[in-house]
């Protein structure tokens, strides 16, 4: 009886181990758009452009936007009053980002400049 039990367990183990996994799905290669590679050329079959992807911070609090960009490795940050009034952004938490140059998703070297255009929350 013990031999029959061990034989049954062996059959179950072999059956469990011999299941085949489904074939891996092939994904289409990711192609960078021309806008996503400022100053760098994408050539099929060559390595991707060097740099980090710029986070999209439009709509975020100006201070939070700076924090996100710095966390992504970007420290060369500029800022502008998006209303054209030329005001200085003294209290970053009172401002919201309405535009960024370059756009989020761009591949950029971390030493390159990113400019945030912001307005005060109560600006029209």
PDB file of N, CA and C in Angstrom:
ATOM      1  N   UNK A   1       0.822  -1.186   0.000  1.00  0.00           N
ATOM      2  CA  UNK A   1       0.000   0.000   0.000  1.00  0.00           C
ATOM      3  C   UNK A   1       0.865   1.248   0.000  1.00  0.00           C
ATOM      4  N   UNK A   2       1.946   1.198   0.754  1.00  0.00           N
ATOM      5  CA  UNK A   2       2.835   2.355   0.808  1.00  0.00           C
ATOM      6  C   UNK A   2       3.460   2.615  -0.553  1.00  0.00           C
ATOM      7  N   UNK A   3       3.819   1.542  -1.278  1.00  0.00           N
ATOM      8  CA  UNK A   3       4.414   1.689  -2.604  1.00  0.00           C
ATOM      9  C   UNK A   3       3.416   2.315  -3.564  1.00  0.00           C
ATOM     10  N   UNK A   4       2.161   1.941  -3.478  1.00  0.00           N
ATOM     11  CA  UNK A   4       1.126   2.500  -4.347  1.00  0.00           C
ATOM     12  C   UNK A   4       0.919   3.980  -4.035  1.00  0.00           C
ATOM     13  N   UNK A   5       0.962   4.324  -2.741  1.00  0.00           N
ATOM     14  CA  UNK A   5       0.808   5.722  -2.333  1.00  0.00           C
ATOM     15  C   UNK A   5       1.948   6.570  -2.893  1.00  0.00           C
ATOM     16  N   UNK A   6       3.193   6.096  -2.745  1.00  0.00           N
ATOM     17  CA  UNK A   6       4.348   6.838  -3.259  1.00  0.00           C
ATOM     18  C   UNK A   6       4.309   6.960  -4.776  1.00  0.00           C
ATOM     19  N   UNK A   7       3.860   5.914  -5.450  1.00  0.00           N
ATOM     20  CA  UNK A   7       3.745   5.963  -6.901  1.00  0.00           C
ATOM     21  C   UNK A   7       2.722   7.019  -7.304  1.00  0.00           C
ATOM     22  N   UNK A   8       1.609   7.097  -6.587  1.00  0.00           N
ATOM     23  CA  UNK A   8       0.566   8.091  -6.876  1.00  0.00           C
ATOM     24  C   UNK A   8       1.088   9.507  -6.658  1.00  0.00           C
ATOM     25  N   UNK A   9       1.849   9.703  -5.571  1.00  0.00           N
ATOM     26  CA  UNK A   9       2.426  11.025  -5.290  1.00  0.00           C
ATOM     27  C   UNK A   9       3.430  11.389  -6.380  1.00  0.00           C
ATOM     28  N   UNK A  10       4.238  10.433  -6.803  1.00  0.00           N
ATOM     29  CA  UNK A  10       5.220  10.689  -7.860  1.00  0.00           C
ATOM     30  C   UNK A  10       4.556  11.104  -9.158  1.00  0.00           C
ATOM     31  N   UNK A  11       3.459  10.435  -9.491  1.00  0.00           N
ATOM     32  CA  UNK A  11       2.733  10.770 -10.724  1.00  0.00           C
ATOM     33  C   UNK A  11       2.198  12.194 -10.632  1.00  0.00           C
ATOM     34  N   UNK A  12       1.661  12.572  -9.468  1.00  0.00           N
ATOM     35  CA  UNK A  12       1.136  13.923  -9.292  1.00  0.00           C
ATOM     36  C   UNK A  12       2.242  14.965  -9.403  1.00  0.00           C
ATOM     37  N   UNK A  13       3.392  14.696  -8.810  1.00  0.00           N
ATOM     38  CA  UNK A  13       4.511  15.637  -8.879  1.00  0.00           C
ATOM     39  C   UNK A  13       5.006  15.803 -10.304  1.00  0.00           C
ATOM     40  N   UNK A  14       5.133  14.728 -11.017  1.00  0.00           N
ATOM     41  CA  UNK A  14       5.587  14.792 -12.411  1.00  0.00           C
ATOM     42  C   UNK A  14       4.574  15.563 -13.242  1.00  0.00           C
ATOM     43  N   UNK A  15       3.308  15.324 -13.023  1.00  0.00           N
ATOM     44  CA  UNK A  15       2.264  16.018 -13.787  1.00  0.00           C
ATOM     45  C   UNK A  15       2.286  17.507 -13.476  1.00  0.00           C
ATOM     46  N   UNK A  16       2.477  17.859 -12.213  1.00  0.00           N
ATOM     47  CA  UNK A  16       2.492  19.268 -11.832  1.00  0.00           C
ATOM     48  C   UNK A  16       3.703  19.985 -12.404  1.00  0.00           C
ATOM     49  N   UNK A  17       4.823  19.324 -12.472  1.00  0.00           N
ATOM     50  CA  UNK A  17       6.056  19.943 -12.959  1.00  0.00           C
ATOM     51  C   UNK A  17       6.141  19.982 -14.478  1.00  0.00           C
ATOM     52  N   UNK A  18       5.358  19.168 -15.147  1.00  0.00           N
ATOM     53  CA  UNK A  18       5.516  19.074 -16.590  1.00  0.00           C
ATOM     54  C   UNK A  18       4.554  19.970 -17.359  1.00  0.00           C
ATOM     55  N   UNK A  19       3.783  20.797 -16.661  1.00  0.00           N
ATOM     56  CA  UNK A  19       2.878  21.682 -17.395  1.00  0.00           C
ATOM     57  C   UNK A  19       3.685  22.707 -18.158  1.00  0.00           C
ATOM     58  N   UNK A  20       3.247  22.985 -19.334  1.00  0.00           N
ATOM     59  CA  UNK A  20       3.966  23.963 -20.151  1.00  0.00           C
ATOM     60  C   UNK A  20       3.349  25.325 -19.951  1.00  0.00           C
ATOM     61  N   UNK A  21       4.198  26.312 -19.882  1.00  0.00           N
ATOM     62  CA  UNK A  21       3.698  27.669 -19.720  1.00  0.00           C
ATOM     63  C   UNK A  21       3.317  28.212 -21.088  1.00  0.00           C
ATOM     64  N   UNK A  22       2.365  29.135 -21.127  1.00  0.00           N
ATOM     65  CA  UNK A  22       1.936  29.671 -22.416  1.00  0.00           C
ATOM     66  C   UNK A  22       3.088  30.436 -23.064  1.00  0.00           C
ATOM     67  N   UNK A  23       3.119  30.495 -24.381  1.00  0.00           N
ATOM     68  CA  UNK A  23       4.208  31.195 -25.052  1.00  0.00           C
ATOM     69  C   UNK A  23       4.206  32.673 -24.689  1.00  0.00           C
ATOM     70  N   UNK A  24       5.389  33.231 -24.583  1.00  0.00           N
ATOM     71  CA  UNK A  24       5.519  34.647 -24.240  1.00  0.00           C
ATOM     72  C   UNK A  24       4.965  35.499 -25.372  1.00  0.00           C
ATOM     73  N   UNK A  25       4.209  36.508 -25.000  1.00  0.00           N
ATOM     74  CA  UNK A  25       3.648  37.397 -26.006  1.00  0.00           C
ATOM     75  C   UNK A  25       4.724  38.381 -26.446  1.00  0.00           C
ATOM     76  N   UNK A  26       4.815  38.595 -27.723  1.00  0.00           N
ATOM     77  CA  UNK A  26       5.778  39.547 -28.237  1.00  0.00           C
ATOM     78  C   UNK A  26       5.143  40.918 -28.241  1.00  0.00           C
ATOM     79  N   UNK A  27       5.894  41.886 -27.727  1.00  0.00           N
ATOM     80  CA  UNK A  27       5.401  43.248 -27.712  1.00  0.00           C
ATOM     81  C   UNK A  27       6.058  44.021 -28.835  1.00  0.00           C
ATOM     82  N   UNK A  28       5.322  44.942 -29.388  1.00  0.00           N
ATOM     83  CA  UNK A  28       5.871  45.780 -30.442  1.00  0.00           C
ATOM     84  C   UNK A  28       6.965  46.667 -29.852  1.00  0.00           C
ATOM     85  N   UNK A  29       8.042  46.917 -30.582  1.00  0.00           N
ATOM     86  CA  UNK A  29       9.102  47.764 -30.053  1.00  0.00           C
ATOM     87  C   UNK A  29       8.595  49.183 -29.838  1.00  0.00           C
ATOM     88  N   UNK A  30       9.109  49.810 -28.795  1.00  0.00           N
ATOM     89  CA  UNK A  30       8.730  51.182 -28.484  1.00  0.00           C
ATOM     90  C   UNK A  30       9.528  52.109 -29.391  1.00  0.00           C
ATOM     91  N   UNK A  31       8.836  52.951 -30.107  1.00  0.00           N
ATOM     92  CA  UNK A  31       9.482  53.896 -31.014  1.00  0.00           C
ATOM     93  C   UNK A  31       9.332  55.285 -30.431  1.00  0.00           C
ATOM     94  N   UNK A  32      10.442  55.969 -30.260  1.00  0.00           N
ATOM     95  CA  UNK A  32      10.408  57.326 -29.718  1.00  0.00           C
ATOM     96  C   UNK A  32       9.920  58.289 -30.783  1.00  0.00           C
ATOM     97  N   UNK A  33       9.044  59.199 -30.368  1.00  0.00           N
ATOM     98  CA  UNK A  33       8.568  60.202 -31.310  1.00  0.00           C
ATOM     99  C   UNK A  33       9.662  61.250 -31.495  1.00  0.00           C
ATOM    100  N   UNK A  34       9.672  61.973 -32.616  1.00  0.00           N
ATOM    101  CA  UNK A  34      10.695  62.990 -32.829  1.00  0.00           C
ATOM    102  C   UNK A  34      10.718  64.033 -31.718  1.00  0.00           C
ATOM    103  N   UNK A  35       9.544  64.357 -31.147  1.00  0.00           N
ATOM    104  CA  UNK A  35       9.483  65.345 -30.075  1.00  0.00           C
ATOM    105  C   UNK A  35      10.172  64.830 -28.811  1.00  0.00           C
ATOM    106  N   UNK A  36      10.248  63.515 -28.655  1.00  0.00           N
ATOM    107  CA  UNK A  36      10.789  62.932 -27.430  1.00  0.00           C
ATOM    108  C   UNK A  36      12.307  62.865 -27.415  1.00  0.00           C
ATOM    109  N   UNK A  37      12.957  63.339 -28.440  1.00  0.00           N
ATOM    110  CA  UNK A  37      14.412  63.245 -28.473  1.00  0.00           C
ATOM    111  C   UNK A  37      15.039  64.560 -28.932  1.00  0.00           C
ATOM    112  N   UNK A  38      14.867  65.576 -28.145  1.00  0.00           N
ATOM    113  CA  UNK A  38      15.413  66.883 -28.479  1.00  0.00           C
ATOM    114  C   UNK A  38      16.922  66.792 -28.627  1.00  0.00           C
ATOM    115  N   UNK A  39      17.433  67.223 -29.764  1.00  0.00           N
ATOM    116  CA  UNK A  39      18.871  67.276 -29.986  1.00  0.00           C
ATOM    117  C   UNK A  39      19.537  65.940 -30.221  1.00  0.00           C
ATOM    118  N   UNK A  40      18.773  64.874 -30.289  1.00  0.00           N
ATOM    119  CA  UNK A  40      19.359  63.561 -30.489  1.00  0.00           C
ATOM    120  C   UNK A  40      18.611  62.836 -31.600  1.00  0.00           C
ATOM    121  N   UNK A  41      19.341  62.096 -32.386  1.00  0.00           N
ATOM    122  CA  UNK A  41      18.753  61.396 -33.517  1.00  0.00           C
ATOM    123  C   UNK A  41      18.519  59.936 -33.172  1.00  0.00           C
ATOM    124  N   UNK A  42      17.345  59.445 -33.511  1.00  0.00           N
ATOM    125  CA  UNK A  42      17.029  58.030 -33.302  1.00  0.00           C
ATOM    126  C   UNK A  42      17.290  57.310 -34.619  1.00  0.00           C
ATOM    127  N   UNK A  43      18.171  56.311 -34.569  1.00  0.00           N
ATOM    128  CA  UNK A  43      18.498  55.526 -35.754  1.00  0.00           C
ATOM    129  C   UNK A  43      18.093  54.088 -35.475  1.00  0.00           C
ATOM    130  N   UNK A  44      17.232  53.497 -36.326  1.00  0.00           N
ATOM    131  CA  UNK A  44      16.825  52.115 -36.102  1.00  0.00           C
ATOM    132  C   UNK A  44      18.037  51.182 -35.990  1.00  0.00           C
ATOM    133  N   UNK A  45      18.006  50.312 -35.005  1.00  0.00           N
ATOM    134  CA  UNK A  45      19.086  49.354 -34.802  1.00  0.00           C
ATOM    135  C   UNK A  45      20.230  49.899 -33.964  1.00  0.00           C
ATOM    136  N   UNK A  46      20.183  51.162 -33.601  1.00  0.00           N
ATOM    137  CA  UNK A  46      21.225  51.776 -32.767  1.00  0.00           C
ATOM    138  C   UNK A  46      20.690  51.966 -31.348  1.00  0.00           C
ATOM    139  N   UNK A  47      21.584  52.172 -30.373  1.00  0.00           N
ATOM    140  CA  UNK A  47      21.122  52.390 -29.003  1.00  0.00           C
ATOM    141  C   UNK A  47      20.214  53.622 -28.894  1.00  0.00           C
ATOM    142  N   UNK A  48      19.316  53.595 -27.928  1.00  0.00           N
ATOM    143  CA  UNK A  48      18.400  54.714 -27.698  1.00  0.00           C
ATOM    144  C   UNK A  48      19.180  55.943 -27.235  1.00  0.00           C
ATOM    145  N   UNK A  49      18.607  57.118 -27.414  1.00  0.00           N
ATOM    146  CA  UNK A  49      19.269  58.341 -26.951  1.00  0.00           C
ATOM    147  C   UNK A  49      19.557  58.277 -25.459  1.00  0.00           C
ATOM    148  N   UNK A  50      20.616  58.929 -25.059  1.00  0.00           N
ATOM    149  CA  UNK A  50      20.996  58.960 -23.647  1.00  0.00           C
ATOM    150  C   UNK A  50      20.202  60.043 -22.938  1.00  0.00           C
ATOM    151  N   UNK A  51      19.903  59.829 -21.680  1.00  0.00           N
ATOM    152  CA  UNK A  51      19.220  60.842 -20.888  1.00  0.00           C
ATOM    153  C   UNK A  51      18.094  60.244 -20.068  1.00  0.00           C
ATOM    154  N   UNK A  52      17.394  61.129 -19.395  1.00  0.00           N
ATOM    155  CA  UNK A  52      16.263  60.733 -18.569  1.00  0.00           C
ATOM    156  C   UNK A  52      14.987  61.278 -19.188  1.00  0.00           C
ATOM    157  N   UNK A  53      13.880  60.668 -18.848  1.00  0.00           N
ATOM    158  CA  UNK A  53      12.587  61.146 -19.323  1.00  0.00           C
ATOM    159  C   UNK A  53      12.127  62.265 -18.397  1.00  0.00           C
ATOM    160  N   UNK A  54      11.769  63.395 -18.979  1.00  0.00           N
ATOM    161  CA  UNK A  54      11.291  64.547 -18.218  1.00  0.00           C
ATOM    162  C   UNK A  54       9.862  64.267 -17.752  1.00  0.00           C
ATOM    163  N   UNK A  55       9.610  64.352 -16.429  1.00  0.00           N
ATOM    164  CA  UNK A  55       8.237  64.150 -15.941  1.00  0.00           C
ATOM    165  C   UNK A  55       7.314  65.265 -16.428  1.00  0.00           C
ATOM    166  N   UNK A  56       6.052  64.927 -16.653  1.00  0.00           N
ATOM    167  CA  UNK A  56       5.040  65.929 -17.005  1.00  0.00           C
ATOM    168  C   UNK A  56       4.531  66.540 -15.705  1.00  0.00           C
ATOM    169  N   UNK A  57       4.812  67.830 -15.492  1.00  0.00           N
ATOM    170  CA  UNK A  57       4.437  68.487 -14.236  1.00  0.00           C
ATOM    171  C   UNK A  57       3.395  69.585 -14.435  1.00  0.00           C
ATOM    172  N   UNK A  58       2.857  69.710 -15.642  1.00  0.00           N
ATOM    173  CA  UNK A  58       1.828  70.718 -15.897  1.00  0.00           C
ATOM    174  C   UNK A  58       0.600  70.403 -15.038  1.00  0.00           C
ATOM    175  N   UNK A  59       0.081  71.445 -14.374  1.00  0.00           N
ATOM    176  CA  UNK A  59      -1.074  71.284 -13.498  1.00  0.00           C
ATOM    177  C   UNK A  59      -0.705  71.016 -12.054  1.00  0.00           C
ATOM    178  N   UNK A  60       0.572  70.833 -11.792  1.00  0.00           N
ATOM    179  CA  UNK A  60       1.017  70.550 -10.428  1.00  0.00           C
ATOM    180  C   UNK A  60       1.439  71.847  -9.734  1.00  0.00           C
ATOM    181  N   UNK A  61       1.410  71.824  -8.421  1.00  0.00           N
ATOM    182  CA  UNK A  61       1.931  72.915  -7.614  1.00  0.00           C
ATOM    183  C   UNK A  61       3.395  73.135  -8.000  1.00  0.00           C
ATOM    184  N   UNK A  62       3.820  74.393  -8.089  1.00  0.00           N
ATOM    185  CA  UNK A  62       5.174  74.695  -8.568  1.00  0.00           C
ATOM    186  C   UNK A  62       6.255  74.013  -7.709  1.00  0.00           C
ATOM    187  N   UNK A  63       6.080  74.027  -6.406  1.00  0.00           N
ATOM    188  CA  UNK A  63       7.066  73.382  -5.526  1.00  0.00           C
ATOM    189  C   UNK A  63       7.089  71.879  -5.748  1.00  0.00           C
ATOM    190  N   UNK A  64       5.918  71.271  -5.857  1.00  0.00           N
ATOM    191  CA  UNK A  64       5.826  69.829  -6.112  1.00  0.00           C
ATOM    192  C   UNK A  64       6.478  69.484  -7.458  1.00  0.00           C
ATOM    193  N   UNK A  65       6.270  70.347  -8.467  1.00  0.00           N
ATOM    194  CA  UNK A  65       6.856  70.131  -9.784  1.00  0.00           C
ATOM    195  C   UNK A  65       8.385  70.136  -9.698  1.00  0.00           C
ATOM    196  N   UNK A  66       8.933  71.090  -8.960  1.00  0.00           N
ATOM    197  CA  UNK A  66      10.389  71.144  -8.787  1.00  0.00           C
ATOM    198  C   UNK A  66      10.896  69.888  -8.083  1.00  0.00           C
ATOM    199  N   UNK A  67      10.178  69.458  -7.068  1.00  0.00           N
ATOM    200  CA  UNK A  67      10.575  68.255  -6.329  1.00  0.00           C
ATOM    201  C   UNK A  67      10.579  67.022  -7.242  1.00  0.00           C
ATOM    202  N   UNK A  68       9.552  66.882  -8.087  1.00  0.00           N
ATOM    203  CA  UNK A  68       9.471  65.743  -9.005  1.00  0.00           C
ATOM    204  C   UNK A  68      10.611  65.772 -10.031  1.00  0.00           C
ATOM    205  N   UNK A  69      10.901  66.951 -10.556  1.00  0.00           N
ATOM    206  CA  UNK A  69      11.982  67.068 -11.534  1.00  0.00           C
ATOM    207  C   UNK A  69      13.332  66.744 -10.902  1.00  0.00           C
ATOM    208  N   UNK A  70      13.550  67.222  -9.696  1.00  0.00           N
ATOM    209  CA  UNK A  70      14.807  66.929  -9.009  1.00  0.00           C
ATOM    210  C   UNK A  70      14.919  65.446  -8.677  1.00  0.00           C
ATOM    211  N   UNK A  71      13.820  64.820  -8.311  1.00  0.00           N
ATOM    212  CA  UNK A  71      13.836  63.379  -8.044  1.00  0.00           C
ATOM    213  C   UNK A  71      14.189  62.595  -9.305  1.00  0.00           C
ATOM    214  N   UNK A  72      13.865  63.158 -10.479  1.00  0.00           N
ATOM    215  CA  UNK A  72      14.192  62.502 -11.755  1.00  0.00           C
ATOM    216  C   UNK A  72      15.608  62.857 -12.219  1.00  0.00           C
ATOM    217  N   UNK A  73      16.332  63.669 -11.430  1.00  0.00           N
ATOM    218  CA  UNK A  73      17.726  63.988 -11.747  1.00  0.00           C
ATOM    219  C   UNK A  73      17.947  65.342 -12.398  1.00  0.00           C
ATOM    220  N   UNK A  74      16.890  66.128 -12.565  1.00  0.00           N
ATOM    221  CA  UNK A  74      17.010  67.429 -13.215  1.00  0.00           C
ATOM    222  C   UNK A  74      17.107  68.536 -12.164  1.00  0.00           C
ATOM    223  N   UNK A  75      18.230  69.275 -12.195  1.00  0.00           N
ATOM    224  CA  UNK A  75      18.443  70.347 -11.230  1.00  0.00           C
ATOM    225  C   UNK A  75      18.610  71.711 -11.891  1.00  0.00           C
ATOM    226  N   UNK A  76      18.776  71.752 -13.195  1.00  0.00           N
ATOM    227  CA  UNK A  76      18.931  73.009 -13.917  1.00  0.00           C
ATOM    228  C   UNK A  76      17.527  73.499 -14.286  1.00  0.00           C
ATOM    229  N   UNK A  77      16.862  74.121 -13.310  1.00  0.00           N
ATOM    230  CA  UNK A  77      15.466  74.500 -13.472  1.00  0.00           C
ATOM    231  C   UNK A  77      15.325  76.018 -13.546  1.00  0.00           C
ATOM    232  N   UNK A  78      14.540  76.461 -14.507  1.00  0.00           N
ATOM    233  CA  UNK A  78      14.215  77.878 -14.618  1.00  0.00           C
ATOM    234  C   UNK A  78      12.731  78.055 -14.376  1.00  0.00           C
ATOM    235  N   UNK A  79      12.324  79.298 -14.112  1.00  0.00           N
ATOM    236  CA  UNK A  79      10.910  79.560 -13.883  1.00  0.00           C
ATOM    237  C   UNK A  79      10.527  80.909 -14.456  1.00  0.00           C
ATOM    238  N   UNK A  80       9.284  81.008 -14.903  1.00  0.00           N
ATOM    239  CA  UNK A  80       8.758  82.231 -15.481  1.00  0.00           C
ATOM    240  C   UNK A  80       7.329  82.443 -15.014  1.00  0.00           C
ATOM    241  N   UNK A  81       6.941  83.725 -14.919  1.00  0.00           N
ATOM    242  CA  UNK A  81       5.552  84.088 -14.669  1.00  0.00           C
ATOM    243  C   UNK A  81       4.814  83.918 -15.995  1.00  0.00           C
ATOM    244  N   UNK A  82       3.903  82.972 -16.080  1.00  0.00           N
ATOM    245  CA  UNK A  82       3.209  82.659 -17.325  1.00  0.00           C
ATOM    246  C   UNK A  82       2.221  83.743 -17.739  1.00  0.00           C
ATOM    247  N   UNK A  83       1.895  84.673 -16.853  1.00  0.00           N
ATOM    248  CA  UNK A  83       0.937  85.725 -17.195  1.00  0.00           C
ATOM    249  C   UNK A  83       1.592  86.863 -17.966  1.00  0.00           C
ATOM    250  N   UNK A  84       2.922  86.893 -18.039  1.00  0.00           N
ATOM    251  CA  UNK A  84       3.624  87.966 -18.730  1.00  0.00           C
ATOM    252  C   UNK A  84       3.858  89.192 -17.871  1.00  0.00           C
ATOM    253  N   UNK A  85       3.508  89.126 -16.596  1.00  0.00           N
ATOM    254  CA  UNK A  85       3.682  90.267 -15.703  1.00  0.00           C
ATOM    255  C   UNK A  85       5.105  90.363 -15.156  1.00  0.00           C
ATOM    256  N   UNK A  86       5.915  89.363 -15.395  1.00  0.00           N
ATOM    257  CA  UNK A  86       7.311  89.401 -14.956  1.00  0.00           C
ATOM    258  C   UNK A  86       7.509  89.268 -13.459  1.00  0.00           C
ATOM    259  N   UNK A  87       6.523  88.746 -12.746  1.00  0.00           N
ATOM    260  CA  UNK A  87       6.658  88.597 -11.294  1.00  0.00           C
ATOM    261  C   UNK A  87       7.647  87.481 -10.966  1.00  0.00           C
ATOM    262  N   UNK A  88       8.305  87.619  -9.839  1.00  0.00           N
ATOM    263  CA  UNK A  88       9.206  86.566  -9.349  1.00  0.00           C
ATOM    264  C   UNK A  88       8.387  85.578  -8.515  1.00  0.00           C
ATOM    265  N   UNK A  89       8.721  84.319  -8.641  1.00  0.00           N
ATOM    266  CA  UNK A  89       8.010  83.276  -7.906  1.00  0.00           C
ATOM    267  C   UNK A  89       8.682  83.105  -6.543  1.00  0.00           C
ATOM    268  N   UNK A  90       8.264  83.917  -5.575  1.00  0.00           N
ATOM    269  CA  UNK A  90       8.910  83.888  -4.266  1.00  0.00           C
ATOM    270  C   UNK A  90       8.426  82.733  -3.399  1.00  0.00           C
ATOM    271  N   UNK A  91       7.127  82.525  -3.348  1.00  0.00           N
ATOM    272  CA  UNK A  91       6.565  81.408  -2.580  1.00  0.00           C
ATOM    273  C   UNK A  91       6.045  80.380  -3.575  1.00  0.00           C
ATOM    274  N   UNK A  92       6.869  79.386  -3.865  1.00  0.00           N
ATOM    275  CA  UNK A  92       6.554  78.409  -4.912  1.00  0.00           C
ATOM    276  C   UNK A  92       5.224  77.706  -4.699  1.00  0.00           C
ATOM    277  N   UNK A  93       4.818  77.517  -3.467  1.00  0.00           N
ATOM    278  CA  UNK A  93       3.574  76.786  -3.190  1.00  0.00           C
ATOM    279  C   UNK A  93       2.322  77.589  -3.565  1.00  0.00           C
ATOM    280  N   UNK A  94       2.477  78.885  -3.863  1.00  0.00           N
ATOM    281  CA  UNK A  94       1.345  79.724  -4.264  1.00  0.00           C
ATOM    282  C   UNK A  94       1.124  79.723  -5.771  1.00  0.00           C
ATOM    283  N   UNK A  95       1.902  78.931  -6.509  1.00  0.00           N
ATOM    284  CA  UNK A  95       1.871  78.946  -7.961  1.00  0.00           C
ATOM    285  C   UNK A  95       1.559  77.557  -8.502  1.00  0.00           C
ATOM    286  N   UNK A  96       0.978  77.518  -9.703  1.00  0.00           N
ATOM    287  CA  UNK A  96       0.677  76.264 -10.380  1.00  0.00           C
ATOM    288  C   UNK A  96       1.344  76.299 -11.752  1.00  0.00           C
ATOM    289  N   UNK A  97       1.922  75.178 -12.175  1.00  0.00           N
ATOM    290  CA  UNK A  97       2.611  75.086 -13.466  1.00  0.00           C
ATOM    291  C   UNK A  97       1.566  74.982 -14.571  1.00  0.00           C
ATOM    292  N   UNK A  98       1.662  75.890 -15.576  1.00  0.00           N
ATOM    293  CA  UNK A  98       0.726  75.852 -16.703  1.00  0.00           C
ATOM    294  C   UNK A  98       1.419  75.428 -17.999  1.00  0.00           C
ATOM    295  N   UNK A  99       2.748  75.421 -18.005  1.00  0.00           N
ATOM    296  CA  UNK A  99       3.504  74.998 -19.191  1.00  0.00           C
ATOM    297  C   UNK A  99       4.916  74.632 -18.751  1.00  0.00           C
ATOM    298  N   UNK A 100       5.533  73.763 -19.495  1.00  0.00           N
ATOM    299  CA  UNK A 100       6.931  73.416 -19.227  1.00  0.00           C
ATOM    300  C   UNK A 100       7.657  73.252 -20.546  1.00  0.00           C
ATOM    301  N   UNK A 101       8.928  73.647 -20.549  1.00  0.00           N
ATOM    302  CA  UNK A 101       9.766  73.556 -21.744  1.00  0.00           C
ATOM    303  C   UNK A 101      11.052  72.843 -21.348  1.00  0.00           C
ATOM    304  N   UNK A 102      11.336  71.689 -21.913  1.00  0.00           N
ATOM    305  CA  UNK A 102      10.581  70.913 -22.889  1.00  0.00           C
ATOM    306  C   UNK A 102       9.404  70.192 -22.236  1.00  0.00           C
ATOM    307  N   UNK A 103       8.543  69.665 -23.061  1.00  0.00           N
ATOM    308  CA  UNK A 103       7.340  68.963 -22.614  1.00  0.00           C
ATOM    309  C   UNK A 103       7.686  67.681 -21.859  1.00  0.00           C
ATOM    310  N   UNK A 104       6.752  67.243 -21.017  1.00  0.00           N
ATOM    311  CA  UNK A 104       6.905  65.971 -20.321  1.00  0.00           C
ATOM    312  C   UNK A 104       7.009  64.823 -21.313  1.00  0.00           C
ATOM    313  N   UNK A 105       7.820  63.835 -20.995  1.00  0.00           N
ATOM    314  CA  UNK A 105       8.033  62.693 -21.875  1.00  0.00           C
ATOM    315  C   UNK A 105       9.253  62.839 -22.759  1.00  0.00           C
ATOM    316  N   UNK A 106       9.840  64.034 -22.796  1.00  0.00           N
ATOM    317  CA  UNK A 106      11.033  64.276 -23.592  1.00  0.00           C
ATOM    318  C   UNK A 106      12.232  63.570 -22.965  1.00  0.00           C
ATOM    319  N   UNK A 107      13.110  63.007 -23.790  1.00  0.00           N
ATOM    320  CA  UNK A 107      14.357  62.416 -23.305  1.00  0.00           C
ATOM    321  C   UNK A 107      15.397  63.530 -23.292  1.00  0.00           C
ATOM    322  N   UNK A 108      15.983  63.771 -22.136  1.00  0.00           N
ATOM    323  CA  UNK A 108      16.877  64.910 -21.985  1.00  0.00           C
ATOM    324  C   UNK A 108      18.022  64.549 -21.044  1.00  0.00           C
ATOM    325  N   UNK A 109      19.204  65.050 -21.344  1.00  0.00           N
ATOM    326  CA  UNK A 109      20.320  64.896 -20.415  1.00  0.00           C
ATOM    327  C   UNK A 109      20.008  65.705 -19.168  1.00  0.00           C
ATOM    328  N   UNK A 110      20.390  65.203 -18.011  1.00  0.00           N
ATOM    329  CA  UNK A 110      20.025  65.858 -16.746  1.00  0.00           C
ATOM    330  C   UNK A 110      20.662  67.229 -16.584  1.00  0.00           C
ATOM    331  N   UNK A 111      21.714  67.530 -17.330  1.00  0.00           N
ATOM    332  CA  UNK A 111      22.356  68.841 -17.213  1.00  0.00           C
ATOM    333  C   UNK A 111      21.614  69.929 -17.998  1.00  0.00           C
ATOM    334  N   UNK A 112      20.690  69.518 -18.882  1.00  0.00           N
ATOM    335  CA  UNK A 112      19.950  70.473 -19.704  1.00  0.00           C
ATOM    336  C   UNK A 112      18.926  71.238 -18.861  1.00  0.00           C
ATOM    337  N   UNK A 113      18.572  72.431 -19.317  1.00  0.00           N
ATOM    338  CA  UNK A 113      17.650  73.305 -18.587  1.00  0.00           C
ATOM    339  C   UNK A 113      16.187  72.952 -18.874  1.00  0.00           C
ATOM    340  N   UNK A 114      15.395  72.997 -17.824  1.00  0.00           N
ATOM    341  CA  UNK A 114      13.949  72.838 -17.923  1.00  0.00           C
ATOM    342  C   UNK A 114      13.325  74.112 -17.351  1.00  0.00           C
ATOM    343  N   UNK A 115      12.433  74.720 -18.104  1.00  0.00           N
ATOM    344  CA  UNK A 115      11.780  75.946 -17.657  1.00  0.00           C
ATOM    345  C   UNK A 115      10.319  75.662 -17.330  1.00  0.00           C
ATOM    346  N   UNK A 116       9.917  76.086 -16.136  1.00  0.00           N
ATOM    347  CA  UNK A 116       8.527  75.952 -15.699  1.00  0.00           C
ATOM    348  C   UNK A 116       7.856  77.312 -15.813  1.00  0.00           C
ATOM    349  N   UNK A 117       6.735  77.361 -16.520  1.00  0.00           N
ATOM    350  CA  UNK A 117       5.948  78.587 -16.640  1.00  0.00           C
ATOM    351  C   UNK A 117       4.740  78.411 -15.730  1.00  0.00           C
ATOM    352  N   UNK A 118       4.624  79.296 -14.739  1.00  0.00           N
ATOM    353  CA  UNK A 118       3.595  79.142 -13.707  1.00  0.00           C
ATOM    354  C   UNK A 118       2.811  80.435 -13.519  1.00  0.00           C
ATOM    355  N   UNK A 119       1.644  80.280 -12.908  1.00  0.00           N
ATOM    356  CA  UNK A 119       0.820  81.435 -12.538  1.00  0.00           C
ATOM    357  C   UNK A 119       0.322  81.202 -11.126  1.00  0.00           C
ATOM    358  N   UNK A 120      -0.080  82.307 -10.457  1.00  0.00           N
ATOM    359  CA  UNK A 120      -0.636  82.166  -9.121  1.00  0.00           C
ATOM    360  C   UNK A 120      -1.995  81.489  -9.225  1.00  0.00           C
ATOM    361  N   UNK A 121      -2.384  80.774  -8.188  1.00  0.00           N
ATOM    362  CA  UNK A 121      -3.648  80.067  -8.200  1.00  0.00           C
ATOM    363  C   UNK A 121      -4.831  81.005  -8.438  1.00  0.00           C
ATOM    364  N   UNK A 122      -4.752  82.251  -7.955  1.00  0.00           N
ATOM    365  CA  UNK A 122      -5.891  83.166  -8.104  1.00  0.00           C
ATOM    366  C   UNK A 122      -5.820  84.018  -9.377  1.00  0.00           C
ATOM    367  N   UNK A 123      -4.803  83.790 -10.239  1.00  0.00           N
ATOM    368  CA  UNK A 123      -4.725  84.486 -11.530  1.00  0.00           C
ATOM    369  C   UNK A 123      -5.788  83.933 -12.471  1.00  0.00           C
ATOM    370  N   UNK A 124      -6.264  84.783 -13.358  1.00  0.00           N
ATOM    371  CA  UNK A 124      -7.258  84.360 -14.342  1.00  0.00           C
ATOM    372  C   UNK A 124      -6.570  83.893 -15.603  1.00  0.00           C
TER     373      UNK A 124
END
